[in-house]
């Protein structure tokens, strides 16, 4: 896993150098063409007709509504003095296809909406070496929609939608069939998914803030060898969903207040050979829900004040939980079967009531983190009404003394006496 982490960082650095070289190449050969109310060229479409490969088209402050604008050659498309491009709720605003294109400093508003055409404020198709940065996007169907493109850098964009349901909204940043993408420092809210990856490989998602999206803050489908770190996911339908993917590294992210009947910090479905390290899960309905997953390491995470810290379905295999801290959760671990093929080791559990006579920092008796009550709730959710009752507390004490319902082999054989240093 350390090797994967190091490799991902090398890839990010190499990709950043590549993008710098692209921008340097553009600047060495560029002419600047200005567009605006106080310039000879008044419209962006007229400006685009005068651009040669490598030029910069600089859009001065003003309000522009010119339908769908199309860029198909190497250029820098940038704004000064806060220009606004308005789609009037009818048009896709900007469509890109080509190599070595930069879009920056523009405000896009009122993109058209269509459930059949996937309108976006910025759409990129069949492209390479694309940089989209420092833009503001408001009231869009899709904010930024990228397909069949390699080497993309999406940075410092503020994207806000007004999603009302999954069926009538698009994603904030949407990538399909892409590779070597770097998504960083964006603020995304009010969409179906904040960030969506489908068939995206060898890409990174860093330092983004995704909140109040209808479905997921971040969603992976069939995307492999990706890395996401230091992102914040707050008050989404669910934090992150990783499905049908492998070799995904999830490090130092923060998941908070993702509440709802089917809400999670992370949902893992049919994922393998991945690593979850150093994340914080605070006050989510479920910290991590996993099913059909295998060969994973989950370590040095903090689970605090969640409904369930972990739900590990019996379909999971070869999952190692180690050096995590579980504090103030209603349920630490729940499962739906007695056959558990995962391992727990050296975690801190605030509900542990054992002792440490040997003074080695570990409890002398193993800890069973699954309570009898959590097994009952798993099979009958209505039983939650008995939460914190004297009857349930008594039954849980009896179950710990003479286990009968809880899985005997779901046990931390070396529970920590004090919290792990994370």
Protein backbone atom coordinates (compact mmCIF):
# COMPACT_ATOMS: atom_id res chain seq x y z
CA UNK A 1 0.00 0.00 0.00
CA UNK A 2 2.86 2.43 0.75
CA UNK A 3 4.14 1.73 -2.75
CA UNK A 4 0.72 2.64 -4.23
CA UNK A 5 0.69 5.87 -2.21
CA UNK A 6 4.18 6.86 -3.37
CA UNK A 7 3.37 5.95 -6.96
CA UNK A 8 0.25 8.11 -6.92
CA UNK A 9 2.22 11.12 -5.68
CA UNK A 10 4.82 10.63 -8.39
CA UNK A 11 2.06 10.53 -10.99
CA UNK A 12 0.54 13.77 -9.68
CA UNK A 13 3.94 15.54 -9.82
CA UNK A 14 4.70 14.25 -13.30
CA UNK A 15 1.30 15.32 -14.53
CA UNK A 16 1.71 18.83 -13.05
CA UNK A 17 5.05 19.20 -14.87
CA UNK A 18 3.44 18.07 -18.10
CA UNK A 19 0.71 20.69 -17.78
CA UNK A 20 3.27 23.42 -17.07
CA UNK A 21 5.11 22.48 -20.25
CA UNK A 22 1.86 22.68 -22.20
CA UNK A 23 1.13 26.16 -20.85
CA UNK A 24 4.71 27.28 -21.51
CA UNK A 25 4.43 26.06 -25.09
CA UNK A 26 1.20 28.05 -25.54
CA UNK A 27 2.63 31.25 -24.05
CA UNK A 28 5.77 31.21 -26.24
CA UNK A 29 3.75 31.35 -29.44
CA UNK A 30 0.66 33.26 -28.36
CA UNK A 31 -0.98 36.45 -29.54
CA UNK A 32 -3.66 38.05 -27.41
CA UNK A 33 -7.07 38.94 -28.81
CA UNK A 34 -9.40 41.00 -26.60
CA UNK A 35 -13.18 40.82 -26.62
CA UNK A 36 -15.51 43.18 -24.81
CA UNK A 37 -17.75 46.25 -24.87
CA UNK A 38 -14.70 48.56 -24.96
CA UNK A 39 -12.73 46.63 -27.59
CA UNK A 40 -13.01 46.51 -31.41
CA UNK A 41 -14.23 42.90 -31.20
CA UNK A 42 -17.54 42.90 -29.31
CA UNK A 43 -18.58 39.22 -29.32
CA UNK A 44 -16.84 36.03 -28.30
CA UNK A 45 -17.89 34.23 -31.50
CA UNK A 46 -16.19 36.92 -33.56
CA UNK A 47 -13.11 36.63 -31.36
CA UNK A 48 -12.98 32.85 -31.85
CA UNK A 49 -13.03 33.36 -35.62
CA UNK A 50 -9.85 35.46 -35.35
CA UNK A 51 -7.91 33.06 -33.10
CA UNK A 52 -4.99 31.06 -34.48
CA UNK A 53 -3.54 27.97 -32.81
CA UNK A 54 -1.66 29.01 -29.66
CA UNK A 55 -3.37 32.40 -29.26
CA UNK A 56 -5.13 33.72 -26.19
CA UNK A 57 -8.69 34.99 -26.35
CA UNK A 58 -9.20 37.39 -23.43
CA UNK A 59 -12.81 38.18 -22.59
CA UNK A 60 -13.28 41.49 -20.75
CA UNK A 61 -16.00 42.10 -18.18
CA UNK A 62 -19.57 42.09 -19.48
CA UNK A 63 -22.62 39.91 -20.00
CA UNK A 64 -22.46 37.60 -23.03
CA UNK A 65 -25.28 35.40 -24.30
CA UNK A 66 -24.21 33.89 -27.63
CA UNK A 67 -25.61 30.37 -27.57
CA UNK A 68 -23.17 27.45 -27.76
CA UNK A 69 -19.50 28.47 -28.14
CA UNK A 70 -17.11 25.89 -29.64
CA UNK A 71 -13.32 25.63 -29.23
CA UNK A 72 -11.46 23.11 -31.40
CA UNK A 73 -7.85 24.33 -31.44
CA UNK A 74 -4.98 24.94 -29.04
CA UNK A 75 -5.64 28.20 -27.17
CA UNK A 76 -6.13 29.98 -23.87
CA UNK A 77 -9.70 31.15 -23.25
CA UNK A 78 -9.65 33.45 -20.24
CA UNK A 79 -11.63 36.21 -18.59
CA UNK A 80 -10.70 39.48 -16.91
CA UNK A 81 -12.98 41.73 -14.84
CA UNK A 82 -15.47 38.89 -14.23
CA UNK A 83 -17.16 38.28 -17.62
CA UNK A 84 -20.44 36.33 -17.48
CA UNK A 85 -21.52 33.80 -20.14
CA UNK A 86 -25.28 33.21 -19.95
CA UNK A 87 -26.92 30.09 -21.45
CA UNK A 88 -30.41 31.52 -20.79
CA UNK A 89 -31.50 28.05 -19.64
CA UNK A 90 -31.54 26.95 -23.30
CA UNK A 91 -27.99 26.20 -24.46
CA UNK A 92 -24.85 24.30 -23.62
CA UNK A 93 -22.49 27.23 -23.09
CA UNK A 94 -18.97 26.05 -24.04
CA UNK A 95 -17.92 22.90 -25.95
CA UNK A 96 -14.24 21.91 -26.21
CA UNK A 97 -12.56 19.34 -28.43
CA UNK A 98 -8.84 19.34 -29.23
CA UNK A 99 -5.45 19.52 -27.53
CA UNK A 100 -3.75 21.95 -25.17
CA UNK A 101 -6.70 24.17 -24.22
CA UNK A 102 -7.04 26.35 -21.11
CA UNK A 103 -10.35 27.79 -19.81
CA UNK A 104 -10.08 30.16 -16.84
CA UNK A 105 -11.58 33.16 -15.08
CA UNK A 106 -15.11 32.92 -16.55
CA UNK A 107 -18.50 32.91 -14.83
CA UNK A 108 -21.01 30.56 -16.48
CA UNK A 109 -24.70 30.87 -15.58
CA UNK A 110 -28.01 29.32 -16.60
CA UNK A 111 -26.88 26.40 -18.73
CA UNK A 112 -29.72 24.63 -20.57
CA UNK A 113 -31.24 21.49 -19.09
CA UNK A 114 -32.02 18.28 -20.95
CA UNK A 115 -32.22 14.71 -19.70
CA UNK A 116 -31.37 13.38 -23.18
CA UNK A 117 -28.45 15.65 -24.22
CA UNK A 118 -26.55 16.12 -20.93
CA UNK A 119 -26.10 19.89 -21.35
CA UNK A 120 -23.15 21.33 -19.43
CA UNK A 121 -21.69 24.76 -18.79
CA UNK A 122 -18.32 23.36 -19.97
CA UNK A 123 -18.29 20.16 -22.02
CA UNK A 124 -15.09 18.53 -23.23
CA UNK A 125 -15.14 15.70 -25.79
CA UNK A 126 -12.28 13.71 -27.36
CA UNK A 127 -9.54 15.98 -26.02
CA UNK A 128 -6.05 15.92 -24.49
CA UNK A 129 -4.15 18.24 -22.14
CA UNK A 130 -7.08 20.33 -20.91
CA UNK A 131 -6.93 22.79 -18.00
CA UNK A 132 -10.12 24.27 -16.49
CA UNK A 133 -9.48 26.58 -13.53
CA UNK A 134 -10.72 29.53 -11.51
CA UNK A 135 -14.19 29.52 -13.05
CA UNK A 136 -17.56 30.07 -11.39
CA UNK A 137 -20.51 27.98 -12.53
CA UNK A 138 -24.05 28.64 -11.34
CA UNK A 139 -27.41 27.01 -12.06
CA UNK A 140 -26.15 24.33 -14.46
CA UNK A 141 -27.46 20.91 -15.35
CA UNK A 142 -23.95 19.43 -15.54
CA UNK A 143 -21.26 21.85 -14.38
CA UNK A 144 -18.17 20.36 -16.13
CA UNK A 145 -18.70 17.29 -18.33
CA UNK A 146 -15.61 15.50 -19.68
CA UNK A 147 -15.63 12.40 -21.92
CA UNK A 148 -13.01 10.36 -23.73
CA UNK A 149 -10.20 12.69 -22.68
CA UNK A 150 -6.74 12.26 -21.19
CA UNK A 151 -4.62 14.57 -19.02
CA UNK A 152 -7.22 16.91 -17.51
CA UNK A 153 -6.62 19.41 -14.73
CA UNK A 154 -9.75 20.86 -13.07
CA UNK A 155 -8.75 23.28 -10.32
CA UNK A 156 -10.19 26.04 -8.11
CA UNK A 157 -13.66 26.09 -9.64
CA UNK A 158 -16.78 27.06 -7.68
CA UNK A 159 -19.76 25.05 -8.93
CA UNK A 160 -23.26 25.49 -7.47
CA UNK A 161 -26.45 23.91 -8.78
CA UNK A 162 -30.05 23.77 -7.67
CA UNK A 163 -30.77 20.05 -7.79
CA UNK A 164 -34.17 18.93 -6.58
CA UNK A 165 -33.99 15.19 -7.37
CA UNK A 166 -31.63 12.58 -8.88
CA UNK A 167 -33.78 12.32 -12.00
CA UNK A 168 -33.83 16.03 -12.84
CA UNK A 169 -30.21 16.99 -12.13
CA UNK A 170 -26.71 16.36 -13.49
CA UNK A 171 -23.32 16.07 -11.79
CA UNK A 172 -21.02 18.91 -10.74
CA UNK A 173 -17.86 17.42 -12.30
CA UNK A 174 -18.53 14.41 -14.53
CA UNK A 175 -15.80 12.28 -16.15
CA UNK A 176 -16.48 9.34 -18.46
CA UNK A 177 -13.79 7.19 -20.05
CA UNK A 178 -10.86 9.41 -19.07
CA UNK A 179 -7.37 8.90 -17.71
CA UNK A 180 -4.73 10.91 -15.88
CA UNK A 181 -7.15 13.50 -14.50
CA UNK A 182 -6.30 15.77 -11.56
CA UNK A 183 -9.33 17.28 -9.77
CA UNK A 184 -8.30 19.64 -6.96
CA UNK A 185 -9.51 22.50 -4.77
CA UNK A 186 -13.00 22.71 -6.22
CA UNK A 187 -16.15 23.59 -4.27
CA UNK A 188 -19.18 21.67 -5.53
CA UNK A 189 -22.76 21.77 -4.26
CA UNK A 190 -26.36 21.28 -5.33
CA UNK A 191 -25.96 18.56 -7.97
CA UNK A 192 -26.83 14.86 -8.26
CA UNK A 193 -23.24 13.76 -7.55
CA UNK A 194 -20.59 16.32 -6.67
CA UNK A 195 -17.90 14.43 -8.62
CA UNK A 196 -18.62 11.40 -10.81
CA UNK A 197 -16.05 8.96 -12.26
CA UNK A 198 -17.03 6.21 -14.72
CA UNK A 199 -14.32 4.23 -16.53
CA UNK A 200 -11.69 6.68 -15.24
CA UNK A 201 -8.22 5.36 -14.48
CA UNK A 202 -4.97 6.55 -12.90
CA UNK A 203 -6.47 9.82 -11.67
CA UNK A 204 -6.44 11.87 -8.48
CA UNK A 205 -9.04 13.87 -6.52
CA UNK A 206 -7.48 16.22 -3.94
CA UNK A 207 -8.63 18.93 -1.49
CA UNK A 208 -12.17 19.31 -2.86
CA UNK A 209 -15.21 20.37 -0.81
CA UNK A 210 -18.39 18.58 -1.81
CA UNK A 211 -21.61 19.36 0.04
CA UNK A 212 -25.41 19.22 -0.18
CA UNK A 213 -25.50 17.07 -3.30
CA UNK A 214 -28.62 14.96 -3.74
CA UNK A 215 -26.94 11.54 -4.10
CA UNK A 216 -23.17 11.27 -3.45
CA UNK A 217 -20.40 13.74 -2.79
CA UNK A 218 -18.15 11.51 -4.93
CA UNK A 219 -19.11 8.48 -7.01
CA UNK A 220 -16.83 5.88 -8.64
CA UNK A 221 -18.08 3.30 -11.14
CA UNK A 222 -15.73 0.86 -12.91
CA UNK A 223 -12.78 3.17 -12.18
CA UNK A 224 -9.44 1.68 -11.22
CA UNK A 225 -6.04 2.75 -9.86
CA UNK A 226 -7.37 6.08 -8.61
CA UNK A 227 -6.40 8.13 -5.54
CA UNK A 228 -8.47 10.56 -3.52
CA UNK A 229 -7.18 12.42 -0.49
CA UNK A 230 -7.85 15.40 1.80
CA UNK A 231 -11.36 16.00 0.50
CA UNK A 232 -14.35 17.04 2.63
CA UNK A 233 -17.81 15.50 2.19
CA UNK A 234 -20.51 17.11 4.33
CA UNK A 235 -24.31 16.86 4.26
CA UNK A 236 -24.62 14.90 1.03
CA UNK A 237 -27.22 12.19 0.37
CA UNK A 238 -24.21 9.95 1.06
CA UNK A 239 -20.51 10.80 1.23
CA UNK A 240 -18.71 8.59 -1.29
CA UNK A 241 -19.71 5.49 -3.24
CA UNK A 242 -17.01 3.26 -4.72
CA UNK A 243 -18.50 0.50 -6.88
CA UNK A 244 -17.10 -2.22 -9.15
CA UNK A 245 -13.59 -0.81 -8.92
CA UNK A 246 -10.16 -1.98 -7.76
CA UNK A 247 -6.90 -0.45 -6.53
CA UNK A 248 -8.48 2.73 -5.15
CA UNK A 249 -6.62 4.57 -2.36
CA UNK A 250 -8.72 6.74 0.02
CA UNK A 251 -6.59 8.81 2.40
CA UNK A 252 -7.16 11.62 4.93
CA UNK A 253 -10.67 12.56 3.82
CA UNK A 254 -13.34 13.96 6.16
CA UNK A 255 -16.91 12.62 6.16
CA UNK A 256 -19.45 14.46 8.30
CA UNK A 257 -23.21 14.72 8.72
CA UNK A 258 -24.15 12.42 5.85
CA UNK A 259 -27.47 11.44 7.39
CA UNK A 260 -30.48 9.56 6.00
CA UNK A 261 -32.20 6.20 5.88
CA UNK A 262 -29.64 4.88 3.34
CA UNK A 263 -26.74 7.25 3.95
CA UNK A 264 -23.06 6.50 4.49
CA UNK A 265 -19.67 8.09 4.85
CA UNK A 266 -18.39 5.55 2.33
CA UNK A 267 -20.35 2.87 0.47
CA UNK A 268 -18.14 0.07 -0.91
CA UNK A 269 -19.69 -2.41 -3.33
CA UNK A 270 -17.68 -5.04 -5.19
CA UNK A 271 -14.36 -3.29 -4.67
CA UNK A 272 -11.02 -5.03 -4.16
CA UNK A 273 -7.31 -4.44 -3.48
CA UNK A 274 -7.85 -1.00 -1.97
CA UNK A 275 -6.68 1.01 1.05
CA UNK A 276 -8.62 3.31 3.40
CA UNK A 277 -6.18 5.25 5.61
CA UNK A 278 -6.31 8.20 8.00
CA UNK A 279 -9.89 9.33 7.32
CA UNK A 280 -12.34 10.81 9.84
CA UNK A 281 -16.00 9.75 10.01
CA UNK A 282 -18.04 12.05 12.24
CA UNK A 283 -21.79 11.86 12.81
CA UNK A 284 -22.82 9.85 9.75
CA UNK A 285 -25.66 7.34 9.71
CA UNK A 286 -23.08 4.68 8.77
CA UNK A 287 -19.33 5.36 8.64
CA UNK A 288 -18.45 2.61 6.14
CA UNK A 289 -20.92 0.17 4.59
CA UNK A 290 -19.25 -2.61 2.62
CA UNK A 291 -20.57 -5.56 0.66
CA UNK A 292 -18.96 -7.92 -1.85
CA UNK A 293 -15.54 -6.40 -1.15
CA UNK A 294 -12.23 -8.19 -0.73
CA UNK A 295 -8.50 -7.80 -0.07
CA UNK A 296 -8.60 -4.41 1.63
CA UNK A 297 -6.76 -2.70 4.48
CA UNK A 298 -8.66 -0.18 6.64
CA UNK A 299 -6.33 1.47 9.14
CA UNK A 300 -5.76 4.54 11.28
CA UNK A 301 -9.22 5.98 10.73
CA UNK A 302 -11.35 7.72 13.37
CA UNK A 303 -15.02 6.78 13.74
CA UNK A 304 -16.78 9.18 16.07
CA UNK A 305 -20.46 9.54 16.99
CA UNK A 306 -21.85 7.66 13.99
CA UNK A 307 -25.03 5.58 14.07
CA UNK A 308 -23.01 2.57 12.90
CA UNK A 309 -19.25 2.95 12.52
CA UNK A 310 -19.02 -0.13 10.28
CA UNK A 311 -21.48 -2.38 8.51
CA UNK A 312 -19.56 -5.36 7.14
CA UNK A 313 -21.78 -7.73 5.17
CA UNK A 314 -21.01 -11.44 5.23
CA UNK A 315 -20.17 -11.27 1.49
CA UNK A 316 -16.88 -9.45 2.31
CA UNK A 317 -13.62 -11.38 2.36
CA UNK A 318 -10.08 -10.73 3.58
CA UNK A 319 -10.61 -7.24 5.06
CA UNK A 320 -8.03 -6.10 7.64
CA UNK A 321 -9.21 -3.50 10.21
CA UNK A 322 -6.28 -2.27 12.27
CA UNK A 323 -5.20 0.70 14.42
CA UNK A 324 -8.56 2.51 14.11
CA UNK A 325 -10.30 4.47 16.89
CA UNK A 326 -13.99 3.90 17.64
CA UNK A 327 -15.44 6.61 19.89
CA UNK A 328 -19.03 7.38 20.83
CA UNK A 329 -20.74 5.38 18.08
CA UNK A 330 -24.18 3.93 18.76
CA UNK A 331 -23.01 0.65 17.17
CA UNK A 332 -19.35 -0.04 16.43
CA UNK A 333 -19.81 -2.97 14.01
CA UNK A 334 -22.82 -4.69 12.49
CA UNK A 335 -23.02 -7.65 10.14
CA UNK A 336 -25.74 -9.78 8.60
CA UNK A 337 -24.24 -13.24 9.05
CA UNK A 338 -22.24 -15.45 11.35
CA UNK A 339 -19.52 -16.36 8.84
CA UNK A 340 -17.01 -13.49 9.10
CA UNK A 341 -13.85 -13.58 6.98
CA UNK A 342 -12.40 -10.24 8.10
CA UNK A 343 -9.78 -9.55 10.78
CA UNK A 344 -9.69 -6.91 13.54
CA UNK A 345 -6.47 -6.05 15.32
CA UNK A 346 -5.17 -3.36 17.68
CA UNK A 347 -8.15 -1.03 17.38
CA UNK A 348 -9.30 1.26 20.19
CA UNK A 349 -12.92 0.71 21.31
CA UNK A 350 -14.33 3.11 23.89
CA UNK A 351 -16.89 0.44 24.92
CA UNK A 352 -14.16 -2.03 25.86
CA UNK A 353 -14.38 -2.90 29.56
CA UNK A 354 -11.36 -5.19 29.86
CA UNK A 355 -8.09 -4.65 31.71
CA UNK A 356 -4.34 -4.62 31.07
CA UNK A 357 -2.52 -6.45 33.85
CA UNK A 358 0.60 -6.90 31.69
CA UNK A 359 0.85 -3.13 31.04
CA UNK A 360 1.66 -3.63 27.36
CA UNK A 361 -1.05 -1.27 26.11
CA UNK A 362 -3.40 -4.05 25.00
CA UNK A 363 -6.42 -5.52 26.76
CA UNK A 364 -5.89 -8.96 28.24
CA UNK A 365 -9.19 -10.31 26.93
CA UNK A 366 -10.43 -10.03 23.33
CA UNK A 367 -13.20 -7.59 22.40
CA UNK A 368 -16.32 -8.57 20.47
CA UNK A 369 -17.51 -5.32 18.79
CA UNK A 370 -20.82 -6.73 17.52
CA UNK A 371 -23.58 -6.45 20.13
CA UNK A 372 -26.58 -8.72 20.27
CA UNK A 373 -28.84 -5.69 19.85
CA UNK A 374 -27.11 -4.69 16.58
CA UNK A 375 -27.83 -8.20 15.24
CA UNK A 376 -31.50 -7.82 16.17
CA UNK A 377 -31.71 -4.35 14.57
CA UNK A 378 -30.04 -5.68 11.41
CA UNK A 379 -32.88 -8.19 11.02
CA UNK A 380 -35.66 -5.96 12.39
CA UNK A 381 -35.01 -2.19 12.05
CA UNK A 382 -38.14 -1.36 14.04
CA UNK A 383 -36.32 -2.66 17.10
CA UNK A 384 -34.39 0.64 17.17
CA UNK A 385 -37.22 2.01 19.29
CA UNK A 386 -35.71 0.05 22.20
CA UNK A 387 -32.37 1.85 21.92
CA UNK A 388 -30.82 2.70 25.31
CA UNK A 389 -33.49 0.78 27.24
CA UNK A 390 -32.61 -1.20 30.40
CA UNK A 391 -33.84 -4.39 28.73
CA UNK A 392 -31.39 -4.08 25.83
CA UNK A 393 -28.48 -3.23 28.12
CA UNK A 394 -29.22 -6.33 30.21
CA UNK A 395 -29.47 -8.59 27.15
CA UNK A 396 -26.18 -7.24 25.74
CA UNK A 397 -24.44 -7.99 29.06
CA UNK A 398 -25.80 -11.54 29.01
CA UNK A 399 -24.70 -12.02 25.38
CA UNK A 400 -21.15 -10.95 26.21
CA UNK A 401 -21.04 -13.49 29.04
CA UNK A 402 -22.52 -16.35 26.99
CA UNK A 403 -22.37 -15.52 23.23
CA UNK A 404 -25.17 -17.09 21.23
CA UNK A 405 -26.30 -14.71 18.44
CA UNK A 406 -23.18 -12.65 17.72
CA UNK A 407 -20.47 -14.02 15.38
CA UNK A 408 -17.86 -15.67 17.57
CA UNK A 409 -14.95 -15.08 15.19
CA UNK A 410 -15.62 -11.34 14.72
CA UNK A 411 -13.23 -10.30 17.45
CA UNK A 412 -10.36 -7.92 18.11
CA UNK A 413 -7.81 -10.14 19.84
CA UNK A 414 -5.59 -7.18 20.85
CA UNK A 415 -7.85 -4.20 21.69
CA UNK A 416 -5.95 -1.05 22.59
CA UNK A 417 -6.39 0.39 26.08
CA UNK A 418 -5.83 4.00 24.95
CA UNK A 419 -6.62 5.54 21.53
CA UNK A 420 -4.17 4.98 18.69
CA UNK A 421 -2.09 7.92 17.55
CA UNK A 422 -3.54 8.83 14.15
